[in-house]
Amino acid sequence: MTNPAEILPGVIFYSYLSAERKDKVCFWNHHTLVLMVSGQLHLETGEQRMEVKAGEMMLVGKNQLGTLTKTPLPGQSYESIVICLQEDLLRKIALEEQIGASPKYIGPSNVPIPPDPFLVGYFQSIIPYARAVAGPLTEDMGMLKVKEGVKLLLHSLPQLKSYLFDFAEPYKIDLERFMMTNFHFNVPIERFARLTGRSLAGFKRDFTKTFGMPPRQWLLDKRLHAAKHLLEQKHQKPSAIYLDLGFESLPHFSRSFKQKFGKAPSMI
């Protein structure tokens, strides 16, 4: 079985692990609802850190970069149900339910969902499909389940209406603040451009104006200085930091570090 397994392709997923796994970089195109069945999930984005334990729920916001650490606890596996709230489906629900415009959401991008018996029961109805004891979930039934989940979310937290049904394109955000927060994520320049609400050409132009150098050069320089700080001040090992700072491999990191500072990171 692949992991995560698709209960409904592209929409509902089931993740099962017996050993800890850290996903290097995640990008959420759509809002995502998560239930922890067992184990523990740690989410880290540029601005938030969250921990979700068995029985807890979380809503992850769209258009974000982050990392996930999935940890089985002693005597348990790691199990989670993940529902991708695709924008096309949310638009359809907005039309069907005549949900109009509302004030722009200004809360956190990632929202813990408080205990709710209706939502717990809802997820319990999906688990048999995840564990392959209820037969396959048809597309029609799967779409009904996602709609049900959205309605139950709004029943539990009505204020999420402006969160879920905001279909505006990413606005042009503060480039300096965004990059200082997210420089360590190893993603293409095109992805950074989109997340700041800019075309690639506009991103490069604004970036050079803000930082005085092209994006790739600044990213490498910023990551190397961050690495130097961790090695010198925090006494961390090169092998423990290179992935978290956006480097493809340890040799790439070591070579770049030596070119920048004249000595290998292992010598710091």
C-alpha atoms as a PDB file:
ATOM      1  CA  MET A   1       0.000   0.000   0.000  1.00  0.00           C
ATOM      2  CA  THR A   2       1.310   3.426  -0.893  1.00  0.00           C
ATOM      3  CA  ASN A   3       1.618   5.933   1.903  1.00  0.00           C
ATOM      4  CA  PRO A   4      -0.401   8.013   2.134  1.00  0.00           C
ATOM      5  CA  ALA A   5      -3.071   5.846   0.473  1.00  0.00           C
ATOM      6  CA  GLU A   6      -5.760   7.584  -1.552  1.00  0.00           C
ATOM      7  CA  ILE A   7      -9.243   6.739  -0.338  1.00  0.00           C
ATOM      8  CA  LEU A   8     -10.638   9.159  -2.912  1.00  0.00           C
ATOM      9  CA  PRO A   9      -7.935  10.155  -5.425  1.00  0.00           C
ATOM     10  CA  GLY A  10      -6.629  13.657  -4.814  1.00  0.00           C
ATOM     11  CA  VAL A  11      -9.155  14.367  -2.064  1.00  0.00           C
ATOM     12  CA  ILE A  12      -9.226  11.919   0.894  1.00  0.00           C
ATOM     13  CA  PHE A  13      -6.041  10.238   2.128  1.00  0.00           C
ATOM     14  CA  TYR A  14      -5.057   7.777   4.824  1.00  0.00           C
ATOM     15  CA  SER A  15      -1.531   7.862   6.244  1.00  0.00           C
ATOM     16  CA  TYR A  16      -0.073   4.921   8.180  1.00  0.00           C
ATOM     17  CA  LEU A  17       3.485   4.726   9.545  1.00  0.00           C
ATOM     18  CA  SER A  18       5.323   2.515  12.007  1.00  0.00           C
ATOM     19  CA  ALA A  19       8.469   4.710  12.161  1.00  0.00           C
ATOM     20  CA  GLU A  20       8.970   8.480  12.400  1.00  0.00           C
ATOM     21  CA  ARG A  21       9.115  10.372   9.143  1.00  0.00           C
ATOM     22  CA  LYS A  22       9.858  14.007   8.473  1.00  0.00           C
ATOM     23  CA  ASP A  23       8.618  15.464   5.206  1.00  0.00           C
ATOM     24  CA  LYS A  24      11.280  17.896   4.018  1.00  0.00           C
ATOM     25  CA  VAL A  25       9.012  20.479   2.347  1.00  0.00           C
ATOM     26  CA  CYS A  26       5.266  20.445   1.968  1.00  0.00           C
ATOM     27  CA  PHE A  27       3.183  22.840  -0.102  1.00  0.00           C
ATOM     28  CA  TRP A  28      -0.555  23.086   0.459  1.00  0.00           C
ATOM     29  CA  ASN A  29      -2.439  24.218  -2.641  1.00  0.00           C
ATOM     30  CA  HIS A  30      -5.778  23.798  -0.887  1.00  0.00           C
ATOM     31  CA  HIS A  31      -7.187  23.984   2.617  1.00  0.00           C
ATOM     32  CA  THR A  32      -6.636  20.615   4.296  1.00  0.00           C
ATOM     33  CA  LEU A  33      -8.519  19.028   7.190  1.00  0.00           C
ATOM     34  CA  VAL A  34      -6.586  16.523   9.317  1.00  0.00           C
ATOM     35  CA  LEU A  35      -7.704  14.073  12.001  1.00  0.00           C
ATOM     36  CA  MET A  36      -5.090  12.248  14.040  1.00  0.00           C
ATOM     37  CA  VAL A  37      -6.296   8.686  14.643  1.00  0.00           C
ATOM     38  CA  SER A  38      -3.172   7.660  16.544  1.00  0.00           C
ATOM     39  CA  GLY A  39       0.369   8.952  16.970  1.00  0.00           C
ATOM     40  CA  GLN A  40       1.463  12.572  16.789  1.00  0.00           C
ATOM     41  CA  LEU A  41       1.890  15.177  14.053  1.00  0.00           C
ATOM     42  CA  HIS A  42       4.127  18.255  14.264  1.00  0.00           C
ATOM     43  CA  LEU A  43       3.535  21.038  11.740  1.00  0.00           C
ATOM     44  CA  GLU A  44       5.995  23.882  11.238  1.00  0.00           C
ATOM     45  CA  THR A  45       5.477  26.773   8.844  1.00  0.00           C
ATOM     46  CA  GLY A  46       7.279  30.083   8.647  1.00  0.00           C
ATOM     47  CA  GLU A  47       4.936  31.595  11.231  1.00  0.00           C
ATOM     48  CA  GLN A  48       3.382  28.737  13.209  1.00  0.00           C
ATOM     49  CA  ARG A  49       4.236  25.538  15.036  1.00  0.00           C
ATOM     50  CA  MET A  50       1.466  23.122  15.942  1.00  0.00           C
ATOM     51  CA  GLU A  51       1.265  19.670  17.459  1.00  0.00           C
ATOM     52  CA  VAL A  52      -1.720  17.381  16.911  1.00  0.00           C
ATOM     53  CA  LYS A  53      -2.269  14.250  18.997  1.00  0.00           C
ATOM     54  CA  ALA A  54      -4.611  11.285  18.720  1.00  0.00           C
ATOM     55  CA  GLY A  55      -8.248  12.367  18.513  1.00  0.00           C
ATOM     56  CA  GLU A  56      -7.369  15.989  17.663  1.00  0.00           C
ATOM     57  CA  MET A  57      -8.151  17.855  14.450  1.00  0.00           C
ATOM     58  CA  MET A  58      -6.466  20.655  12.541  1.00  0.00           C
ATOM     59  CA  LEU A  59      -7.249  22.769   9.498  1.00  0.00           C
ATOM     60  CA  VAL A  60      -4.175  23.662   7.408  1.00  0.00           C
ATOM     61  CA  GLY A  61      -4.499  26.771   5.244  1.00  0.00           C
ATOM     62  CA  LYS A  62      -3.874  26.900   1.503  1.00  0.00           C
ATOM     63  CA  ASN A  63      -0.899  28.531  -0.219  1.00  0.00           C
ATOM     64  CA  GLN A  64       1.632  27.666   2.499  1.00  0.00           C
ATOM     65  CA  LEU A  65       5.054  26.102   2.803  1.00  0.00           C
ATOM     66  CA  GLY A  66       5.943  23.937   5.776  1.00  0.00           C
ATOM     67  CA  THR A  67       7.329  20.695   7.136  1.00  0.00           C
ATOM     68  CA  LEU A  68       5.545  17.787   8.792  1.00  0.00           C
ATOM     69  CA  THR A  69       6.973  15.359  11.323  1.00  0.00           C
ATOM     70  CA  LYS A  70       4.887  12.217  11.762  1.00  0.00           C
ATOM     71  CA  THR A  71       5.644  10.256  14.922  1.00  0.00           C
ATOM     72  CA  PRO A  72       4.196   6.949  16.139  1.00  0.00           C
ATOM     73  CA  LEU A  73       4.022   6.795  19.932  1.00  0.00           C
ATOM     74  CA  PRO A  74       5.151   3.771  21.989  1.00  0.00           C
ATOM     75  CA  GLY A  75       2.879   0.854  21.300  1.00  0.00           C
ATOM     76  CA  GLN A  76       1.053   2.740  18.530  1.00  0.00           C
ATOM     77  CA  SER A  77       1.318   3.264  14.820  1.00  0.00           C
ATOM     78  CA  TYR A  78       0.874   6.674  13.214  1.00  0.00           C
ATOM     79  CA  GLU A  79      -2.526   7.019  11.543  1.00  0.00           C
ATOM     80  CA  SER A  80      -4.228  10.092  10.148  1.00  0.00           C
ATOM     81  CA  ILE A  81      -7.118  10.934   7.844  1.00  0.00           C
ATOM     82  CA  VAL A  82      -6.486  13.890   5.523  1.00  0.00           C
ATOM     83  CA  ILE A  83      -9.170  15.634   3.471  1.00  0.00           C
ATOM     84  CA  CYS A  84      -8.130  18.077   0.773  1.00  0.00           C
ATOM     85  CA  LEU A  85     -10.788  20.799   0.436  1.00  0.00           C
ATOM     86  CA  GLN A  86     -10.240  21.564  -3.229  1.00  0.00           C
ATOM     87  CA  GLU A  87     -11.212  25.050  -4.303  1.00  0.00           C
ATOM     88  CA  ASP A  88     -13.503  23.878  -7.131  1.00  0.00           C
ATOM     89  CA  LEU A  89     -15.569  21.900  -4.634  1.00  0.00           C
ATOM     90  CA  LEU A  90     -15.694  24.800  -2.183  1.00  0.00           C
ATOM     91  CA  ARG A  91     -16.909  27.066  -4.991  1.00  0.00           C
ATOM     92  CA  LYS A  92     -19.639  24.549  -5.789  1.00  0.00           C
ATOM     93  CA  ILE A  93     -20.707  24.396  -2.134  1.00  0.00           C
ATOM     94  CA  ALA A  94     -20.762  28.202  -1.983  1.00  0.00           C
ATOM     95  CA  LEU A  95     -23.123  28.280  -4.967  1.00  0.00           C
ATOM     96  CA  GLU A  96     -25.356  25.476  -3.708  1.00  0.00           C
ATOM     97  CA  GLU A  97     -25.626  26.945  -0.210  1.00  0.00           C
ATOM     98  CA  GLN A  98     -25.797  30.546  -1.481  1.00  0.00           C
ATOM     99  CA  ILE A  99     -22.822  31.550   0.632  1.00  0.00           C
ATOM    100  CA  GLY A 100     -21.996  35.135  -0.175  1.00  0.00           C
ATOM    101  CA  ALA A 101     -18.959  37.308   0.418  1.00  0.00           C
ATOM    102  CA  SER A 102     -17.916  37.937   4.000  1.00  0.00           C
ATOM    103  CA  PRO A 103     -15.206  40.020   5.726  1.00  0.00           C
ATOM    104  CA  LYS A 104     -11.691  38.836   4.954  1.00  0.00           C
ATOM    105  CA  TYR A 105     -10.335  36.222   7.355  1.00  0.00           C
ATOM    106  CA  ILE A 106      -7.560  37.645   9.543  1.00  0.00           C
ATOM    107  CA  GLY A 107      -6.820  34.746  11.902  1.00  0.00           C
ATOM    108  CA  PRO A 108      -3.969  32.209  11.841  1.00  0.00           C
ATOM    109  CA  SER A 109      -3.348  30.160   8.696  1.00  0.00           C
ATOM    110  CA  ASN A 110      -3.529  26.882  10.621  1.00  0.00           C
ATOM    111  CA  VAL A 111      -6.468  26.360  12.943  1.00  0.00           C
ATOM    112  CA  PRO A 112      -6.874  23.742  15.705  1.00  0.00           C
ATOM    113  CA  ILE A 113     -10.410  22.363  15.601  1.00  0.00           C
ATOM    114  CA  PRO A 114     -11.931  22.025  19.069  1.00  0.00           C
ATOM    115  CA  PRO A 115     -13.487  18.688  20.100  1.00  0.00           C
ATOM    116  CA  ASP A 116     -16.824  18.265  18.352  1.00  0.00           C
ATOM    117  CA  PRO A 117     -18.924  15.062  18.530  1.00  0.00           C
ATOM    118  CA  PHE A 118     -20.339  15.571  15.049  1.00  0.00           C
ATOM    119  CA  LEU A 119     -16.898  15.914  13.452  1.00  0.00           C
ATOM    120  CA  VAL A 120     -15.552  12.975  15.450  1.00  0.00           C
ATOM    121  CA  GLY A 121     -18.458  10.860  14.241  1.00  0.00           C
ATOM    122  CA  TYR A 122     -17.869  12.078  10.718  1.00  0.00           C
ATOM    123  CA  PHE A 123     -14.249  10.932  10.728  1.00  0.00           C
ATOM    124  CA  GLN A 124     -15.216   7.644  12.334  1.00  0.00           C
ATOM    125  CA  SER A 125     -17.417   7.000   9.287  1.00  0.00           C
ATOM    126  CA  ILE A 126     -14.365   7.359   6.994  1.00  0.00           C
ATOM    127  CA  ILE A 127     -11.961   5.125   8.935  1.00  0.00           C
ATOM    128  CA  PRO A 128     -13.494   1.821   7.683  1.00  0.00           C
ATOM    129  CA  TYR A 129     -12.755   2.919   4.095  1.00  0.00           C
ATOM    130  CA  ALA A 130      -9.206   3.837   5.120  1.00  0.00           C
ATOM    131  CA  ARG A 131      -8.622   0.411   6.613  1.00  0.00           C
ATOM    132  CA  ALA A 132     -10.183  -1.310   3.605  1.00  0.00           C
ATOM    133  CA  VAL A 133     -12.900  -3.028   5.624  1.00  0.00           C
ATOM    134  CA  ALA A 134     -15.848  -1.233   4.025  1.00  0.00           C
ATOM    135  CA  GLY A 135     -15.013  -1.648   0.347  1.00  0.00           C
ATOM    136  CA  PRO A 136     -13.985   1.169  -1.986  1.00  0.00           C
ATOM    137  CA  LEU A 137     -15.362   4.676  -1.571  1.00  0.00           C
ATOM    138  CA  THR A 138     -17.080   5.721  -4.787  1.00  0.00           C
ATOM    139  CA  GLU A 139     -16.494   9.197  -6.181  1.00  0.00           C
ATOM    140  CA  ASP A 140     -20.105  10.254  -5.591  1.00  0.00           C
ATOM    141  CA  MET A 141     -20.015   9.039  -2.002  1.00  0.00           C
ATOM    142  CA  GLY A 142     -16.612  10.639  -1.469  1.00  0.00           C
ATOM    143  CA  MET A 143     -17.826  14.031  -2.669  1.00  0.00           C
ATOM    144  CA  LEU A 144     -20.812  13.786  -0.355  1.00  0.00           C
ATOM    145  CA  LYS A 145     -18.455  13.017   2.525  1.00  0.00           C
ATOM    146  CA  VAL A 146     -16.324  16.089   1.769  1.00  0.00           C
ATOM    147  CA  LYS A 147     -19.413  18.317   1.588  1.00  0.00           C
ATOM    148  CA  GLU A 148     -20.577  16.875   4.886  1.00  0.00           C
ATOM    149  CA  GLY A 149     -17.196  17.668   6.434  1.00  0.00           C
ATOM    150  CA  VAL A 150     -17.346  21.295   5.269  1.00  0.00           C
ATOM    151  CA  LYS A 151     -20.853  21.760   6.650  1.00  0.00           C
ATOM    152  CA  LEU A 152     -19.875  20.236   9.982  1.00  0.00           C
ATOM    153  CA  LEU A 153     -16.839  22.542  10.155  1.00  0.00           C
ATOM    154  CA  LEU A 154     -19.092  25.559   9.659  1.00  0.00           C
ATOM    155  CA  HIS A 155     -21.530  24.202  12.238  1.00  0.00           C
ATOM    156  CA  SER A 156     -18.706  23.911  14.771  1.00  0.00           C
ATOM    157  CA  LEU A 157     -16.877  27.127  13.803  1.00  0.00           C
ATOM    158  CA  PRO A 158     -19.135  29.509  11.823  1.00  0.00           C
ATOM    159  CA  GLN A 159     -16.311  32.055  11.659  1.00  0.00           C
ATOM    160  CA  LEU A 160     -14.482  29.739   9.226  1.00  0.00           C
ATOM    161  CA  LYS A 161     -16.840  30.836   6.453  1.00  0.00           C
ATOM    162  CA  SER A 162     -14.509  33.690   5.498  1.00  0.00           C
ATOM    163  CA  TYR A 163     -11.539  31.287   5.769  1.00  0.00           C
ATOM    164  CA  LEU A 164     -12.929  28.537   3.539  1.00  0.00           C
ATOM    165  CA  PHE A 165     -14.700  30.631   0.925  1.00  0.00           C
ATOM    166  CA  ASP A 166     -12.061  33.254   0.169  1.00  0.00           C
ATOM    167  CA  PHE A 167     -11.300  32.661  -3.512  1.00  0.00           C
ATOM    168  CA  ALA A 168      -9.154  35.727  -4.097  1.00  0.00           C
ATOM    169  CA  GLU A 169      -5.723  35.257  -5.628  1.00  0.00           C
ATOM    170  CA  PRO A 170      -2.787  35.739  -3.220  1.00  0.00           C
ATOM    171  CA  TYR A 171      -2.339  39.470  -2.789  1.00  0.00           C
ATOM    172  CA  LYS A 172       1.032  41.130  -3.183  1.00  0.00           C
ATOM    173  CA  ILE A 173       2.486  40.637   0.277  1.00  0.00           C
ATOM    174  CA  ASP A 174       5.507  42.093   2.043  1.00  0.00           C
ATOM    175  CA  LEU A 175       8.383  40.456   0.185  1.00  0.00           C
ATOM    176  CA  GLU A 176      11.089  41.090   2.802  1.00  0.00           C
ATOM    177  CA  ARG A 177       9.037  39.700   5.694  1.00  0.00           C
ATOM    178  CA  PHE A 178       7.951  36.646   3.711  1.00  0.00           C
ATOM    179  CA  MET A 179      11.451  35.727   2.555  1.00  0.00           C
ATOM    180  CA  MET A 180      13.052  36.252   5.973  1.00  0.00           C
ATOM    181  CA  THR A 181      10.470  33.840   7.381  1.00  0.00           C
ATOM    182  CA  ASN A 182      10.571  31.201   4.629  1.00  0.00           C
ATOM    183  CA  PHE A 183      14.094  31.279   3.140  1.00  0.00           C
ATOM    184  CA  HIS A 184      14.939  27.825   4.498  1.00  0.00           C
ATOM    185  CA  PHE A 185      12.321  26.030   2.407  1.00  0.00           C
ATOM    186  CA  ASN A 186      13.839  24.344  -0.639  1.00  0.00           C
ATOM    187  CA  VAL A 187      11.296  25.232  -3.315  1.00  0.00           C
ATOM    188  CA  PRO A 188      11.606  26.718  -6.808  1.00  0.00           C
ATOM    189  CA  ILE A 189      11.791  30.479  -7.233  1.00  0.00           C
ATOM    190  CA  GLU A 190       8.532  30.246  -9.181  1.00  0.00           C
ATOM    191  CA  ARG A 191       6.782  28.961  -6.044  1.00  0.00           C
ATOM    192  CA  PHE A 192       8.102  31.848  -3.942  1.00  0.00           C
ATOM    193  CA  ALA A 193       6.844  34.245  -6.616  1.00  0.00           C
ATOM    194  CA  ARG A 194       3.353  32.789  -6.577  1.00  0.00           C
ATOM    195  CA  LEU A 195       3.124  32.790  -2.798  1.00  0.00           C
ATOM    196  CA  THR A 196       3.969  36.492  -2.684  1.00  0.00           C
ATOM    197  CA  GLY A 197       1.322  37.287  -5.305  1.00  0.00           C
ATOM    198  CA  ARG A 198       3.773  38.142  -8.080  1.00  0.00           C
ATOM    199  CA  SER A 199       4.686  36.989 -11.554  1.00  0.00           C
ATOM    200  CA  LEU A 200       8.178  35.495 -11.817  1.00  0.00           C
ATOM    201  CA  ALA A 201       9.482  38.611 -13.540  1.00  0.00           C
ATOM    202  CA  GLY A 202       7.827  40.879 -10.966  1.00  0.00           C
ATOM    203  CA  PHE A 203       9.202  38.776  -8.127  1.00  0.00           C
ATOM    204  CA  LYS A 204      12.775  38.980  -9.438  1.00  0.00           C
ATOM    205  CA  ARG A 205      12.466  42.722  -9.993  1.00  0.00           C
ATOM    206  CA  ASP A 206      11.011  43.430  -6.548  1.00  0.00           C
ATOM    207  CA  PHE A 207      13.472  41.035  -4.924  1.00  0.00           C
ATOM    208  CA  THR A 208      16.548  42.707  -6.369  1.00  0.00           C
ATOM    209  CA  LYS A 209      15.152  46.107  -5.393  1.00  0.00           C
ATOM    210  CA  THR A 210      14.529  44.917  -1.820  1.00  0.00           C
ATOM    211  CA  PHE A 211      17.669  42.846  -1.156  1.00  0.00           C
ATOM    212  CA  GLY A 212      20.171  44.227  -3.642  1.00  0.00           C
ATOM    213  CA  MET A 213      20.878  40.874  -5.316  1.00  0.00           C
ATOM    214  CA  PRO A 214      19.049  38.165  -7.311  1.00  0.00           C
ATOM    215  CA  PRO A 215      16.893  35.637  -5.408  1.00  0.00           C
ATOM    216  CA  ARG A 216      19.117  32.577  -5.866  1.00  0.00           C
ATOM    217  CA  GLN A 217      22.232  34.406  -4.695  1.00  0.00           C
ATOM    218  CA  TRP A 218      20.425  35.842  -1.652  1.00  0.00           C
ATOM    219  CA  LEU A 219      18.906  32.474  -0.704  1.00  0.00           C
ATOM    220  CA  LEU A 220      22.261  30.731  -0.785  1.00  0.00           C
ATOM    221  CA  ASP A 221      23.929  33.506   1.218  1.00  0.00           C
ATOM    222  CA  LYS A 222      21.131  33.618   3.791  1.00  0.00           C
ATOM    223  CA  ARG A 223      21.121  29.841   4.260  1.00  0.00           C
ATOM    224  CA  LEU A 224      24.889  29.709   4.660  1.00  0.00           C
ATOM    225  CA  HIS A 225      24.926  32.438   7.305  1.00  0.00           C
ATOM    226  CA  ALA A 226      22.104  30.672   9.138  1.00  0.00           C
ATOM    227  CA  ALA A 227      24.147  27.458   9.005  1.00  0.00           C
ATOM    228  CA  LYS A 228      27.233  29.238  10.362  1.00  0.00           C
ATOM    229  CA  HIS A 229      25.206  30.532  13.290  1.00  0.00           C
ATOM    230  CA  LEU A 230      23.842  27.064  14.103  1.00  0.00           C
ATOM    231  CA  LEU A 231      27.298  25.501  13.898  1.00  0.00           C
ATOM    232  CA  GLU A 232      29.097  28.156  15.935  1.00  0.00           C
ATOM    233  CA  GLN A 233      26.464  29.209  18.463  1.00  0.00           C
ATOM    234  CA  LYS A 234      24.264  26.131  18.778  1.00  0.00           C
ATOM    235  CA  HIS A 235      27.026  23.543  18.217  1.00  0.00           C
ATOM    236  CA  GLN A 236      24.908  21.523  15.820  1.00  0.00           C
ATOM    237  CA  LYS A 237      26.341  19.036  13.334  1.00  0.00           C
ATOM    238  CA  PRO A 238      26.292  19.692   9.576  1.00  0.00           C
ATOM    239  CA  SER A 239      24.345  16.493   8.961  1.00  0.00           C
ATOM    240  CA  ALA A 240      21.606  17.684  11.334  1.00  0.00           C
ATOM    241  CA  ILE A 241      20.956  21.067   9.696  1.00  0.00           C
ATOM    242  CA  TYR A 242      21.574  20.975   5.946  1.00  0.00           C
ATOM    243  CA  LEU A 243      18.116  19.676   4.947  1.00  0.00           C
ATOM    244  CA  ASP A 244      16.277  22.063   7.253  1.00  0.00           C
ATOM    245  CA  LEU A 245      18.144  24.967   5.629  1.00  0.00           C
ATOM    246  CA  GLY A 246      17.106  24.036   2.094  1.00  0.00           C
ATOM    247  CA  PHE A 247      20.228  22.287   0.784  1.00  0.00           C
ATOM    248  CA  GLU A 248      19.790  19.336  -1.559  1.00  0.00           C
ATOM    249  CA  SER A 249      22.554  17.196  -0.066  1.00  0.00           C
ATOM    250  CA  LEU A 250      25.316  17.237   2.521  1.00  0.00           C
ATOM    251  CA  PRO A 251      28.097  17.417  -0.149  1.00  0.00           C
ATOM    252  CA  HIS A 252      26.339  20.400  -1.758  1.00  0.00           C
ATOM    253  CA  PHE A 253      26.088  22.122   1.604  1.00  0.00           C
ATOM    254  CA  SER A 254      29.711  21.395   2.542  1.00  0.00           C
ATOM    255  CA  ARG A 255      31.025  22.599  -0.811  1.00  0.00           C
ATOM    256  CA  SER A 256      28.989  25.825  -0.724  1.00  0.00           C
ATOM    257  CA  PHE A 257      29.962  26.490   2.901  1.00  0.00           C
ATOM    258  CA  LYS A 258      33.672  26.072   2.187  1.00  0.00           C
ATOM    259  CA  GLN A 259      33.470  28.368  -0.850  1.00  0.00           C
ATOM    260  CA  LYS A 260      31.771  31.017   1.274  1.00  0.00           C
ATOM    261  CA  PHE A 261      33.772  30.819   4.512  1.00  0.00           C
ATOM    262  CA  GLY A 262      37.048  29.137   3.503  1.00  0.00           C
ATOM    263  CA  LYS A 263      36.628  26.053   5.680  1.00  0.00           C
ATOM    264  CA  ALA A 264      34.403  22.992   5.735  1.00  0.00           C
ATOM    265  CA  PRO A 265      31.415  23.089   8.109  1.00  0.00           C
ATOM    266  CA  SER A 266      32.858  20.070   9.928  1.00  0.00           C
ATOM    267  CA  MET A 267      35.792  22.307  10.952  1.00  0.00           C
ATOM    268  CA  ILE A 268      33.606  24.867  12.725  1.00  0.00           C
END
